Amino acid sequence: MTASSFDPGCRRCARLATFLDEVKATHPGYFCRPVPPFGDPEPRVLVVGLAPGLHGANATGRPFTGDFAGLLLYQTLFRFGFASAPQSTAADDGLRLIQCRITNAVKCLPPQNKPVGEEINNCRDFLQQELAAFGAGGVVVALGAIAHKSVIAGFGLRQKDFIFGHAAEHAMPRGIRLIDSYHCSRYNTQTRRLTEDMFAQVFARARALLG
């Protein structure tokens, strides 16, 4: 991760900065700052989520840690050898990611978990730098349509040429493959829009592509 791919003091989005201040006043023990990417500094798999959750990454300071979405994600990463443990409980729990890093399209908690277009665009240069530093021949896994669109834009490609769909694969520059997945949110898993088997399919394919 390069120095330009993350700014721990970023406050370029006024709505998000104000919301973080409000949440910090209510929950003084929460992280309530831009959440840094987590994992291997030279990953072969880059998992791109949407944004930190209120009582998850925004509280713990680690992506997908402390919320429901992280349960399935870390369990699946462990299953396919990308994590040292099946659960991520805290930023200092000793869990390691192996050949894998997790980041978000938007690094700060948005109200109601819904960033607006301007906020997604404001944060895109951080993702763009991460993608520029990502190794040739690796696999990017986009969790949800917003993450997918941010990755496409981060590579400087046209959205209409790459349509989001669960388990859809797309050829990116430098031999990188993008695999889409429905987001592992509570809503998607409880409504069975995304099942454990469907999610496993995505990471099994990522593992197969890496050989």
N, C-alpha and C. Protein backbone atom coordinates (compact mmCIF):
# COMPACT_ATOMS: atom_id res chain seq x y z
N MET A 1 0.85 -1.19 0.00
CA MET A 1 0.00 0.00 0.00
C MET A 1 0.88 1.23 0.00
N THR A 2 0.68 2.10 -0.97
CA THR A 2 1.48 3.31 -1.07
C THR A 2 0.94 4.39 -0.16
N ALA A 3 1.78 5.40 0.13
CA ALA A 3 1.37 6.49 1.02
C ALA A 3 0.18 7.25 0.46
N SER A 4 0.07 7.31 -0.88
CA SER A 4 -1.01 8.07 -1.50
C SER A 4 -2.32 7.28 -1.59
N SER A 5 -2.30 6.00 -1.18
CA SER A 5 -3.50 5.18 -1.30
C SER A 5 -4.39 5.24 -0.06
N PHE A 6 -3.97 6.00 0.94
CA PHE A 6 -4.79 6.13 2.14
C PHE A 6 -4.39 7.38 2.92
N ASP A 7 -5.38 8.10 3.42
CA ASP A 7 -5.13 9.29 4.23
C ASP A 7 -5.91 9.13 5.53
N PRO A 8 -5.24 8.81 6.65
CA PRO A 8 -5.94 8.56 7.90
C PRO A 8 -6.65 9.78 8.47
N GLY A 9 -6.30 10.96 7.99
CA GLY A 9 -6.95 12.17 8.49
C GLY A 9 -7.87 12.82 7.48
N CYS A 10 -8.25 12.07 6.44
CA CYS A 10 -9.06 12.65 5.37
C CYS A 10 -10.41 13.15 5.89
N ARG A 11 -10.76 14.39 5.47
CA ARG A 11 -12.07 14.96 5.79
C ARG A 11 -12.61 15.70 4.58
N ARG A 12 -12.32 15.18 3.40
CA ARG A 12 -12.70 15.88 2.17
C ARG A 12 -14.20 15.84 1.91
N CYS A 13 -14.93 14.91 2.53
CA CYS A 13 -16.39 14.84 2.36
C CYS A 13 -17.05 15.43 3.61
N ALA A 14 -17.62 16.60 3.48
CA ALA A 14 -18.16 17.31 4.64
C ALA A 14 -19.25 16.50 5.35
N ARG A 15 -20.14 15.88 4.59
CA ARG A 15 -21.23 15.12 5.22
C ARG A 15 -20.68 13.95 6.02
N LEU A 16 -19.71 13.24 5.48
CA LEU A 16 -19.15 12.09 6.17
C LEU A 16 -18.33 12.52 7.39
N ALA A 17 -17.56 13.60 7.26
CA ALA A 17 -16.76 14.08 8.38
C ALA A 17 -17.65 14.50 9.54
N THR A 18 -18.74 15.20 9.23
CA THR A 18 -19.67 15.63 10.26
C THR A 18 -20.35 14.43 10.92
N PHE A 19 -20.72 13.44 10.12
CA PHE A 19 -21.37 12.25 10.66
C PHE A 19 -20.42 11.47 11.57
N LEU A 20 -19.16 11.37 11.19
CA LEU A 20 -18.19 10.68 12.05
C LEU A 20 -18.04 11.40 13.38
N ASP A 21 -18.04 12.72 13.37
CA ASP A 21 -17.96 13.48 14.62
C ASP A 21 -19.17 13.20 15.50
N GLU A 22 -20.34 13.12 14.89
CA GLU A 22 -21.56 12.86 15.65
C GLU A 22 -21.53 11.45 16.25
N VAL A 23 -21.09 10.48 15.47
CA VAL A 23 -21.02 9.10 15.98
C VAL A 23 -19.98 9.00 17.09
N LYS A 24 -18.87 9.68 16.94
CA LYS A 24 -17.82 9.66 17.96
C LYS A 24 -18.33 10.23 19.28
N ALA A 25 -19.17 11.26 19.20
CA ALA A 25 -19.73 11.86 20.42
C ALA A 25 -20.66 10.88 21.13
N THR A 26 -21.36 10.05 20.35
CA THR A 26 -22.27 9.06 20.91
C THR A 26 -21.55 7.80 21.36
N HIS A 27 -20.51 7.43 20.61
CA HIS A 27 -19.74 6.22 20.89
C HIS A 27 -18.25 6.59 20.99
N PRO A 28 -17.83 7.15 22.09
CA PRO A 28 -16.45 7.65 22.20
C PRO A 28 -15.37 6.58 22.04
N GLY A 29 -15.73 5.31 22.25
CA GLY A 29 -14.75 4.25 22.10
C GLY A 29 -14.58 3.74 20.68
N TYR A 30 -15.40 4.24 19.76
CA TYR A 30 -15.34 3.78 18.38
C TYR A 30 -14.17 4.42 17.63
N PHE A 31 -13.73 3.76 16.58
CA PHE A 31 -12.62 4.23 15.74
C PHE A 31 -12.97 5.56 15.09
N CYS A 32 -14.08 5.61 14.36
CA CYS A 32 -14.64 6.84 13.80
C CYS A 32 -13.63 7.68 13.01
N ARG A 33 -12.91 7.01 12.14
CA ARG A 33 -11.99 7.69 11.22
C ARG A 33 -12.01 6.91 9.91
N PRO A 34 -11.35 7.42 8.88
CA PRO A 34 -11.23 6.60 7.68
C PRO A 34 -10.59 5.25 8.04
N VAL A 35 -11.19 4.18 7.55
CA VAL A 35 -10.71 2.83 7.90
C VAL A 35 -9.67 2.38 6.88
N PRO A 36 -8.46 2.04 7.32
CA PRO A 36 -7.41 1.66 6.38
C PRO A 36 -7.64 0.27 5.80
N PRO A 37 -7.09 0.01 4.63
CA PRO A 37 -7.10 -1.35 4.10
C PRO A 37 -6.37 -2.28 5.07
N PHE A 38 -6.70 -3.56 5.00
CA PHE A 38 -6.12 -4.53 5.92
C PHE A 38 -5.66 -5.77 5.15
N GLY A 39 -4.45 -6.23 5.46
CA GLY A 39 -4.01 -7.50 4.91
C GLY A 39 -2.60 -7.48 4.38
N ASP A 40 -2.32 -8.42 3.50
CA ASP A 40 -1.00 -8.63 2.93
C ASP A 40 -0.58 -7.38 2.14
N PRO A 41 0.64 -6.85 2.37
CA PRO A 41 1.07 -5.66 1.63
C PRO A 41 1.32 -5.94 0.15
N GLU A 42 1.48 -7.21 -0.23
CA GLU A 42 1.66 -7.58 -1.64
C GLU A 42 0.65 -8.69 -1.98
N PRO A 43 -0.62 -8.33 -2.02
CA PRO A 43 -1.67 -9.35 -2.18
C PRO A 43 -1.77 -9.88 -3.59
N ARG A 44 -2.32 -11.08 -3.70
CA ARG A 44 -2.71 -11.63 -4.99
C ARG A 44 -4.22 -11.51 -5.19
N VAL A 45 -4.94 -11.30 -4.08
CA VAL A 45 -6.38 -11.06 -4.13
C VAL A 45 -6.69 -9.76 -3.39
N LEU A 46 -7.42 -8.87 -4.05
CA LEU A 46 -7.86 -7.62 -3.42
C LEU A 46 -9.38 -7.64 -3.34
N VAL A 47 -9.91 -7.67 -2.12
CA VAL A 47 -11.36 -7.67 -1.90
C VAL A 47 -11.80 -6.23 -1.69
N VAL A 48 -12.75 -5.77 -2.49
CA VAL A 48 -13.23 -4.38 -2.42
C VAL A 48 -14.67 -4.38 -1.94
N GLY A 49 -14.90 -3.81 -0.76
CA GLY A 49 -16.24 -3.67 -0.23
C GLY A 49 -16.80 -2.29 -0.52
N LEU A 50 -17.91 -1.98 0.13
CA LEU A 50 -18.56 -0.69 -0.09
C LEU A 50 -18.01 0.38 0.84
N ALA A 51 -18.28 0.24 2.15
CA ALA A 51 -17.89 1.25 3.13
C ALA A 51 -17.94 0.62 4.52
N PRO A 52 -17.29 1.23 5.51
CA PRO A 52 -17.35 0.69 6.88
C PRO A 52 -18.77 0.68 7.42
N GLY A 53 -19.09 -0.33 8.24
CA GLY A 53 -20.37 -0.39 8.91
C GLY A 53 -20.33 0.35 10.23
N LEU A 54 -21.46 0.86 10.67
CA LEU A 54 -21.53 1.68 11.89
C LEU A 54 -20.92 0.97 13.10
N HIS A 55 -21.36 -0.26 13.37
CA HIS A 55 -20.88 -0.99 14.54
C HIS A 55 -19.85 -2.05 14.16
N GLY A 56 -19.37 -2.00 12.94
CA GLY A 56 -18.36 -2.93 12.47
C GLY A 56 -17.02 -2.23 12.33
N ALA A 57 -16.59 -2.02 11.08
CA ALA A 57 -15.28 -1.42 10.82
C ALA A 57 -15.17 -0.02 11.41
N ASN A 58 -16.25 0.73 11.42
CA ASN A 58 -16.20 2.07 12.02
C ASN A 58 -15.92 2.01 13.51
N ALA A 59 -16.30 0.92 14.14
CA ALA A 59 -16.04 0.75 15.57
C ALA A 59 -14.66 0.16 15.83
N THR A 60 -14.25 -0.81 15.01
CA THR A 60 -13.02 -1.56 15.29
C THR A 60 -11.79 -1.04 14.56
N GLY A 61 -12.00 -0.35 13.42
CA GLY A 61 -10.87 0.13 12.65
C GLY A 61 -10.30 -0.88 11.69
N ARG A 62 -10.98 -2.02 11.50
CA ARG A 62 -10.55 -3.03 10.53
C ARG A 62 -11.74 -3.37 9.63
N PRO A 63 -11.53 -3.43 8.31
CA PRO A 63 -12.65 -3.74 7.41
C PRO A 63 -13.36 -5.04 7.76
N PHE A 64 -14.69 -4.98 7.73
CA PHE A 64 -15.55 -6.15 7.94
C PHE A 64 -15.32 -6.84 9.28
N THR A 65 -14.95 -6.08 10.28
CA THR A 65 -14.69 -6.66 11.60
C THR A 65 -15.66 -6.07 12.62
N GLY A 66 -16.44 -6.95 13.24
CA GLY A 66 -17.41 -6.51 14.24
C GLY A 66 -18.82 -6.43 13.73
N ASP A 67 -19.05 -6.74 12.45
CA ASP A 67 -20.41 -6.70 11.93
C ASP A 67 -20.78 -8.02 11.25
N PHE A 68 -22.03 -8.14 10.89
CA PHE A 68 -22.56 -9.40 10.35
C PHE A 68 -21.89 -9.78 9.03
N ALA A 69 -21.66 -8.79 8.17
CA ALA A 69 -21.08 -9.07 6.85
C ALA A 69 -19.72 -9.76 6.96
N GLY A 70 -18.98 -9.41 7.99
CA GLY A 70 -17.65 -9.98 8.16
C GLY A 70 -17.66 -11.45 8.53
N LEU A 71 -18.75 -11.94 9.10
CA LEU A 71 -18.81 -13.35 9.51
C LEU A 71 -18.59 -14.27 8.32
N LEU A 72 -19.36 -14.05 7.26
CA LEU A 72 -19.25 -14.89 6.07
C LEU A 72 -17.95 -14.62 5.32
N LEU A 73 -17.54 -13.36 5.27
CA LEU A 73 -16.33 -13.03 4.51
C LEU A 73 -15.10 -13.72 5.09
N TYR A 74 -14.86 -13.55 6.38
CA TYR A 74 -13.64 -14.13 6.97
C TYR A 74 -13.71 -15.66 7.02
N GLN A 75 -14.89 -16.19 7.24
CA GLN A 75 -15.06 -17.64 7.21
C GLN A 75 -14.67 -18.19 5.84
N THR A 76 -15.09 -17.50 4.79
CA THR A 76 -14.80 -17.94 3.43
C THR A 76 -13.33 -17.74 3.08
N LEU A 77 -12.75 -16.62 3.50
CA LEU A 77 -11.32 -16.40 3.26
C LEU A 77 -10.48 -17.49 3.93
N PHE A 78 -10.85 -17.87 5.14
CA PHE A 78 -10.14 -18.93 5.85
C PHE A 78 -10.29 -20.26 5.12
N ARG A 79 -11.48 -20.55 4.67
CA ARG A 79 -11.75 -21.80 3.96
C ARG A 79 -10.85 -22.00 2.76
N PHE A 80 -10.54 -20.89 2.06
CA PHE A 80 -9.75 -20.99 0.84
C PHE A 80 -8.30 -20.55 1.04
N GLY A 81 -7.87 -20.49 2.29
CA GLY A 81 -6.47 -20.26 2.59
C GLY A 81 -6.01 -18.82 2.50
N PHE A 82 -6.95 -17.88 2.53
CA PHE A 82 -6.60 -16.47 2.45
C PHE A 82 -6.56 -15.79 3.82
N ALA A 83 -6.91 -16.50 4.89
CA ALA A 83 -6.90 -15.94 6.24
C ALA A 83 -6.40 -16.99 7.22
N SER A 84 -5.80 -16.52 8.30
CA SER A 84 -5.22 -17.43 9.29
C SER A 84 -6.25 -17.93 10.30
N ALA A 85 -7.43 -17.34 10.30
CA ALA A 85 -8.49 -17.73 11.23
C ALA A 85 -9.84 -17.46 10.59
N PRO A 86 -10.91 -18.14 11.02
CA PRO A 86 -12.21 -17.97 10.39
C PRO A 86 -13.03 -16.81 10.93
N GLN A 87 -12.52 -16.13 11.95
CA GLN A 87 -13.26 -15.01 12.52
C GLN A 87 -12.33 -13.83 12.77
N SER A 88 -12.84 -12.63 12.48
CA SER A 88 -12.13 -11.40 12.80
C SER A 88 -12.94 -10.66 13.86
N THR A 89 -12.39 -10.57 15.07
CA THR A 89 -13.14 -10.02 16.18
C THR A 89 -12.69 -8.63 16.61
N ALA A 90 -11.42 -8.30 16.34
CA ALA A 90 -10.87 -7.00 16.74
C ALA A 90 -9.62 -6.73 15.92
N ALA A 91 -9.24 -5.47 15.84
CA ALA A 91 -8.07 -5.11 15.04
C ALA A 91 -6.78 -5.69 15.59
N ASP A 92 -6.78 -6.07 16.87
CA ASP A 92 -5.57 -6.61 17.49
C ASP A 92 -5.72 -8.09 17.86
N ASP A 93 -6.58 -8.83 17.13
CA ASP A 93 -6.83 -10.23 17.49
C ASP A 93 -5.80 -11.20 16.91
N GLY A 94 -4.82 -10.70 16.17
CA GLY A 94 -3.77 -11.54 15.64
C GLY A 94 -4.08 -12.20 14.31
N LEU A 95 -5.28 -12.02 13.79
CA LEU A 95 -5.63 -12.60 12.50
C LEU A 95 -4.76 -12.00 11.40
N ARG A 96 -4.31 -12.85 10.47
CA ARG A 96 -3.53 -12.40 9.32
C ARG A 96 -4.25 -12.79 8.03
N LEU A 97 -4.14 -11.95 7.03
CA LEU A 97 -4.60 -12.32 5.70
C LEU A 97 -3.40 -12.79 4.90
N ILE A 98 -3.61 -13.80 4.08
CA ILE A 98 -2.54 -14.46 3.34
C ILE A 98 -2.77 -14.25 1.85
N GLN A 99 -1.87 -13.52 1.20
CA GLN A 99 -2.00 -13.18 -0.22
C GLN A 99 -3.28 -12.40 -0.50
N CYS A 100 -3.81 -11.74 0.49
CA CYS A 100 -5.12 -11.09 0.36
C CYS A 100 -5.13 -9.77 1.12
N ARG A 101 -5.82 -8.80 0.58
CA ARG A 101 -6.04 -7.54 1.29
C ARG A 101 -7.49 -7.12 1.08
N ILE A 102 -8.05 -6.48 2.10
CA ILE A 102 -9.44 -5.99 2.04
C ILE A 102 -9.42 -4.47 2.11
N THR A 103 -10.19 -3.84 1.24
CA THR A 103 -10.32 -2.39 1.27
C THR A 103 -11.78 -2.05 0.98
N ASN A 104 -12.10 -0.77 0.96
CA ASN A 104 -13.46 -0.33 0.66
C ASN A 104 -13.44 0.77 -0.39
N ALA A 105 -14.49 0.83 -1.19
CA ALA A 105 -14.62 1.89 -2.18
C ALA A 105 -14.72 3.25 -1.49
N VAL A 106 -15.37 3.29 -0.33
CA VAL A 106 -15.47 4.50 0.49
C VAL A 106 -14.90 4.17 1.85
N LYS A 107 -13.93 4.95 2.31
CA LYS A 107 -13.19 4.60 3.52
C LYS A 107 -13.86 5.07 4.81
N CYS A 108 -14.86 5.95 4.71
CA CYS A 108 -15.53 6.47 5.91
C CYS A 108 -16.98 5.98 6.00
N LEU A 109 -17.47 5.86 7.21
CA LEU A 109 -18.85 5.46 7.46
C LEU A 109 -19.82 6.47 6.86
N PRO A 110 -20.75 6.03 5.98
CA PRO A 110 -21.79 6.94 5.48
C PRO A 110 -23.08 6.76 6.27
N PRO A 111 -23.88 7.81 6.42
CA PRO A 111 -25.18 7.66 7.07
C PRO A 111 -26.02 6.60 6.35
N GLN A 112 -26.66 5.74 7.14
CA GLN A 112 -27.53 4.67 6.63
C GLN A 112 -26.79 3.74 5.66
N ASN A 113 -25.48 3.69 5.79
CA ASN A 113 -24.65 2.83 4.93
C ASN A 113 -24.81 3.15 3.45
N LYS A 114 -25.14 4.41 3.12
CA LYS A 114 -25.39 4.79 1.73
C LYS A 114 -24.57 6.03 1.36
N PRO A 115 -23.38 5.85 0.80
CA PRO A 115 -22.63 7.01 0.32
C PRO A 115 -23.29 7.58 -0.93
N VAL A 116 -23.17 8.88 -1.11
CA VAL A 116 -23.69 9.52 -2.32
C VAL A 116 -22.60 9.52 -3.38
N GLY A 117 -22.99 9.84 -4.61
CA GLY A 117 -22.05 9.77 -5.72
C GLY A 117 -20.81 10.62 -5.53
N GLU A 118 -20.98 11.81 -5.00
CA GLU A 118 -19.83 12.69 -4.80
C GLU A 118 -18.83 12.07 -3.84
N GLU A 119 -19.33 11.41 -2.79
CA GLU A 119 -18.44 10.79 -1.81
C GLU A 119 -17.69 9.59 -2.41
N ILE A 120 -18.39 8.83 -3.23
CA ILE A 120 -17.73 7.71 -3.91
C ILE A 120 -16.63 8.23 -4.82
N ASN A 121 -16.93 9.30 -5.55
CA ASN A 121 -15.94 9.89 -6.45
C ASN A 121 -14.77 10.49 -5.69
N ASN A 122 -15.06 11.15 -4.57
CA ASN A 122 -13.99 11.77 -3.76
C ASN A 122 -12.99 10.75 -3.26
N CYS A 123 -13.47 9.54 -2.99
CA CYS A 123 -12.63 8.50 -2.40
C CYS A 123 -11.95 7.62 -3.46
N ARG A 124 -12.31 7.83 -4.71
CA ARG A 124 -11.86 6.91 -5.75
C ARG A 124 -10.36 6.95 -5.98
N ASP A 125 -9.73 8.11 -5.78
CA ASP A 125 -8.29 8.17 -6.06
C ASP A 125 -7.50 7.26 -5.12
N PHE A 126 -8.00 7.02 -3.91
CA PHE A 126 -7.32 6.08 -3.01
C PHE A 126 -7.39 4.66 -3.58
N LEU A 127 -8.58 4.26 -4.05
CA LEU A 127 -8.72 2.95 -4.66
C LEU A 127 -7.90 2.86 -5.94
N GLN A 128 -7.87 3.93 -6.69
CA GLN A 128 -7.10 3.94 -7.93
C GLN A 128 -5.63 3.68 -7.67
N GLN A 129 -5.10 4.26 -6.61
CA GLN A 129 -3.71 4.03 -6.25
C GLN A 129 -3.48 2.58 -5.81
N GLU A 130 -4.45 2.02 -5.09
CA GLU A 130 -4.34 0.62 -4.69
C GLU A 130 -4.32 -0.30 -5.90
N LEU A 131 -5.18 0.00 -6.87
CA LEU A 131 -5.23 -0.82 -8.08
C LEU A 131 -3.96 -0.66 -8.90
N ALA A 132 -3.41 0.55 -8.93
CA ALA A 132 -2.17 0.78 -9.69
C ALA A 132 -1.01 -0.02 -9.10
N ALA A 133 -1.03 -0.21 -7.77
CA ALA A 133 0.05 -0.94 -7.10
C ALA A 133 -0.21 -2.44 -7.04
N PHE A 134 -1.40 -2.86 -7.41
CA PHE A 134 -1.77 -4.27 -7.33
C PHE A 134 -1.03 -5.06 -8.41
N GLY A 135 -0.52 -6.22 -8.04
CA GLY A 135 0.32 -7.00 -8.92
C GLY A 135 -0.38 -7.55 -10.15
N ALA A 136 0.34 -7.61 -11.25
CA ALA A 136 -0.18 -8.19 -12.49
C ALA A 136 -0.60 -9.63 -12.26
N GLY A 137 -1.69 -10.01 -12.91
CA GLY A 137 -2.17 -11.38 -12.81
C GLY A 137 -2.95 -11.71 -11.57
N GLY A 138 -3.21 -10.72 -10.73
CA GLY A 138 -3.98 -10.95 -9.52
C GLY A 138 -5.48 -10.95 -9.77
N VAL A 139 -6.24 -11.12 -8.69
CA VAL A 139 -7.70 -11.18 -8.76
C VAL A 139 -8.30 -10.13 -7.84
N VAL A 140 -9.19 -9.32 -8.38
CA VAL A 140 -9.96 -8.37 -7.58
C VAL A 140 -11.37 -8.93 -7.41
N VAL A 141 -11.86 -8.97 -6.18
CA VAL A 141 -13.23 -9.40 -5.90
C VAL A 141 -14.02 -8.19 -5.45
N ALA A 142 -15.04 -7.82 -6.22
CA ALA A 142 -15.88 -6.66 -5.90
C ALA A 142 -17.15 -7.13 -5.21
N LEU A 143 -17.38 -6.65 -4.00
CA LEU A 143 -18.57 -7.02 -3.24
C LEU A 143 -19.67 -5.99 -3.47
N GLY A 144 -20.52 -6.25 -4.43
CA GLY A 144 -21.62 -5.34 -4.72
C GLY A 144 -21.36 -4.46 -5.92
N ALA A 145 -22.45 -3.87 -6.42
CA ALA A 145 -22.38 -3.09 -7.66
C ALA A 145 -21.57 -1.81 -7.50
N ILE A 146 -21.66 -1.15 -6.35
CA ILE A 146 -20.90 0.09 -6.18
C ILE A 146 -19.41 -0.20 -6.17
N ALA A 147 -19.00 -1.25 -5.48
CA ALA A 147 -17.59 -1.63 -5.49
C ALA A 147 -17.15 -1.98 -6.92
N HIS A 148 -17.99 -2.71 -7.63
CA HIS A 148 -17.69 -3.06 -9.02
C HIS A 148 -17.46 -1.81 -9.86
N LYS A 149 -18.38 -0.87 -9.78
CA LYS A 149 -18.27 0.35 -10.58
C LYS A 149 -17.04 1.17 -10.18
N SER A 150 -16.70 1.17 -8.89
CA SER A 150 -15.52 1.90 -8.44
C SER A 150 -14.25 1.27 -8.99
N VAL A 151 -14.22 -0.05 -9.06
CA VAL A 151 -13.05 -0.73 -9.62
C VAL A 151 -12.91 -0.42 -11.11
N ILE A 152 -14.02 -0.48 -11.84
CA ILE A 152 -13.98 -0.17 -13.27
C ILE A 152 -13.48 1.26 -13.49
N ALA A 153 -14.02 2.19 -12.72
CA ALA A 153 -13.58 3.58 -12.84
C ALA A 153 -12.13 3.73 -12.41
N GLY A 154 -11.74 2.99 -11.38
CA GLY A 154 -10.36 3.05 -10.90
C GLY A 154 -9.35 2.60 -11.94
N PHE A 155 -9.76 1.70 -12.80
CA PHE A 155 -8.91 1.25 -13.90
C PHE A 155 -9.02 2.16 -15.13
N GLY A 156 -9.93 3.14 -15.06
CA GLY A 156 -10.10 4.06 -16.18
C GLY A 156 -10.85 3.46 -17.35
N LEU A 157 -11.74 2.50 -17.07
CA LEU A 157 -12.47 1.80 -18.11
C LEU A 157 -13.91 2.30 -18.19
N ARG A 158 -14.61 1.93 -19.27
CA ARG A 158 -15.99 2.36 -19.47
C ARG A 158 -16.96 1.41 -18.78
N GLN A 159 -17.88 1.98 -18.03
CA GLN A 159 -18.83 1.17 -17.27
C GLN A 159 -19.65 0.25 -18.17
N LYS A 160 -20.06 0.74 -19.32
CA LYS A 160 -20.96 -0.03 -20.18
C LYS A 160 -20.31 -1.30 -20.72
N ASP A 161 -19.00 -1.37 -20.67
CA ASP A 161 -18.30 -2.55 -21.17
C ASP A 161 -18.17 -3.66 -20.13
N PHE A 162 -18.56 -3.36 -18.88
CA PHE A 162 -18.36 -4.32 -17.79
C PHE A 162 -19.60 -4.30 -16.90
N ILE A 163 -20.51 -5.20 -17.12
CA ILE A 163 -21.79 -5.23 -16.41
C ILE A 163 -21.67 -6.10 -15.17
N PHE A 164 -22.14 -5.57 -14.04
CA PHE A 164 -22.09 -6.30 -12.78
C PHE A 164 -23.04 -7.50 -12.79
N GLY A 165 -22.58 -8.60 -12.23
CA GLY A 165 -23.42 -9.77 -12.04
C GLY A 165 -22.71 -10.74 -11.12
N HIS A 166 -23.44 -11.42 -10.27
CA HIS A 166 -22.79 -12.32 -9.33
C HIS A 166 -22.00 -13.40 -10.07
N ALA A 167 -20.73 -13.56 -9.67
CA ALA A 167 -19.80 -14.52 -10.26
C ALA A 167 -19.36 -14.16 -11.67
N ALA A 168 -19.76 -12.98 -12.15
CA ALA A 168 -19.30 -12.53 -13.47
C ALA A 168 -17.80 -12.22 -13.40
N GLU A 169 -17.09 -12.51 -14.46
CA GLU A 169 -15.65 -12.25 -14.55
C GLU A 169 -15.37 -11.24 -15.65
N HIS A 170 -14.37 -10.39 -15.38
CA HIS A 170 -14.02 -9.35 -16.33
C HIS A 170 -12.50 -9.25 -16.43
N ALA A 171 -12.01 -9.09 -17.64
CA ALA A 171 -10.57 -8.92 -17.86
C ALA A 171 -10.20 -7.46 -17.64
N MET A 172 -9.26 -7.23 -16.75
CA MET A 172 -8.76 -5.90 -16.44
C MET A 172 -7.34 -5.74 -16.99
N PRO A 173 -6.80 -4.53 -16.96
CA PRO A 173 -5.42 -4.35 -17.43
C PRO A 173 -4.42 -5.20 -16.64
N ARG A 174 -3.26 -5.45 -17.25
CA ARG A 174 -2.13 -6.17 -16.64
C ARG A 174 -2.47 -7.62 -16.26
N GLY A 175 -3.42 -8.20 -16.97
CA GLY A 175 -3.78 -9.58 -16.70
C GLY A 175 -4.56 -9.80 -15.42
N ILE A 176 -5.07 -8.75 -14.83
CA ILE A 176 -5.87 -8.85 -13.61
C ILE A 176 -7.29 -9.27 -13.97
N ARG A 177 -7.87 -10.14 -13.16
CA ARG A 177 -9.26 -10.56 -13.34
C ARG A 177 -10.12 -9.95 -12.23
N LEU A 178 -11.26 -9.41 -12.62
CA LEU A 178 -12.26 -8.91 -11.67
C LEU A 178 -13.39 -9.91 -11.60
N ILE A 179 -13.70 -10.36 -10.38
CA ILE A 179 -14.85 -11.24 -10.15
C ILE A 179 -15.85 -10.49 -9.28
N ASP A 180 -17.10 -10.46 -9.72
CA ASP A 180 -18.16 -9.80 -8.97
C ASP A 180 -18.84 -10.76 -8.00
N SER A 181 -19.32 -10.20 -6.91
CA SER A 181 -20.15 -10.98 -5.98
C SER A 181 -21.21 -10.06 -5.39
N TYR A 182 -22.38 -10.62 -5.13
CA TYR A 182 -23.31 -9.87 -4.30
C TYR A 182 -22.63 -9.61 -2.96
N HIS A 183 -22.94 -8.48 -2.36
CA HIS A 183 -22.35 -8.13 -1.07
C HIS A 183 -22.82 -9.11 0.00
N CYS A 184 -21.91 -9.44 0.91
CA CYS A 184 -22.23 -10.40 1.98
C CYS A 184 -22.92 -9.72 3.16
N SER A 185 -23.87 -8.87 2.86
CA SER A 185 -24.61 -8.15 3.89
C SER A 185 -25.64 -9.05 4.57
N ARG A 186 -26.10 -8.62 5.73
CA ARG A 186 -27.15 -9.38 6.44
C ARG A 186 -28.39 -9.53 5.57
N TYR A 187 -28.78 -8.44 4.89
CA TYR A 187 -29.98 -8.50 4.06
C TYR A 187 -29.83 -9.53 2.96
N ASN A 188 -28.72 -9.51 2.24
CA ASN A 188 -28.53 -10.44 1.13
C ASN A 188 -28.47 -11.90 1.57
N THR A 189 -27.82 -12.16 2.70
CA THR A 189 -27.71 -13.54 3.15
C THR A 189 -29.01 -14.04 3.78
N GLN A 190 -29.70 -13.19 4.51
CA GLN A 190 -30.95 -13.63 5.14
C GLN A 190 -32.07 -13.82 4.12
N THR A 191 -32.06 -13.05 3.04
CA THR A 191 -33.06 -13.22 1.98
C THR A 191 -32.65 -14.30 0.99
N ARG A 192 -31.46 -14.86 1.19
CA ARG A 192 -30.93 -15.93 0.33
C ARG A 192 -30.59 -15.43 -1.08
N ARG A 193 -30.53 -14.13 -1.25
CA ARG A 193 -30.01 -13.63 -2.52
C ARG A 193 -28.56 -14.09 -2.70
N LEU A 194 -27.85 -14.15 -1.56
CA LEU A 194 -26.50 -14.68 -1.55
C LEU A 194 -26.44 -15.81 -0.52
N THR A 195 -26.05 -16.99 -0.97
CA THR A 195 -25.89 -18.13 -0.07
C THR A 195 -24.40 -18.38 0.18
N GLU A 196 -24.12 -19.20 1.18
CA GLU A 196 -22.72 -19.55 1.46
C GLU A 196 -22.07 -20.22 0.25
N ASP A 197 -22.83 -21.08 -0.41
CA ASP A 197 -22.28 -21.76 -1.58
C ASP A 197 -21.99 -20.78 -2.72
N MET A 198 -22.87 -19.82 -2.92
CA MET A 198 -22.64 -18.81 -3.97
C MET A 198 -21.40 -17.99 -3.68
N PHE A 199 -21.22 -17.64 -2.42
CA PHE A 199 -20.06 -16.83 -2.03
C PHE A 199 -18.78 -17.66 -2.15
N ALA A 200 -18.87 -18.92 -1.74
CA ALA A 200 -17.71 -19.80 -1.85
C ALA A 200 -17.29 -19.98 -3.31
N GLN A 201 -18.26 -20.00 -4.19
CA GLN A 201 -17.98 -20.15 -5.62
C GLN A 201 -17.04 -19.06 -6.12
N VAL A 202 -17.26 -17.85 -5.64
CA VAL A 202 -16.44 -16.71 -6.06
C VAL A 202 -15.00 -16.89 -5.62
N PHE A 203 -14.79 -17.28 -4.37
CA PHE A 203 -13.42 -17.39 -3.87
C PHE A 203 -12.74 -18.68 -4.33
N ALA A 204 -13.53 -19.70 -4.62
CA ALA A 204 -12.96 -20.91 -5.23
C ALA A 204 -12.42 -20.56 -6.61
N ARG A 205 -13.14 -19.73 -7.34
CA ARG A 205 -12.68 -19.30 -8.65
C ARG A 205 -11.44 -18.43 -8.53
N ALA A 206 -11.41 -17.54 -7.54
CA ALA A 206 -10.22 -16.72 -7.33
C ALA A 206 -9.00 -17.59 -7.04
N ARG A 207 -9.19 -18.59 -6.21
CA ARG A 207 -8.08 -19.50 -5.88
C ARG A 207 -7.63 -20.27 -7.12
N ALA A 208 -8.59 -20.69 -7.94
CA ALA A 208 -8.24 -21.43 -9.15
C ALA A 208 -7.47 -20.55 -10.14
N LEU A 209 -7.87 -19.30 -10.25
CA LEU A 209 -7.18 -18.38 -11.17
C LEU A 209 -5.74 -18.13 -10.74
N LEU A 210 -5.50 -18.18 -9.44
CA LEU A 210 -4.15 -17.97 -8.93
C LEU A 210 -3.29 -19.23 -9.06
N GLY A 211 -3.94 -20.36 -9.36
CA GLY A 211 -3.19 -21.60 -9.52
C GLY A 211 -2.84 -22.25 -8.21
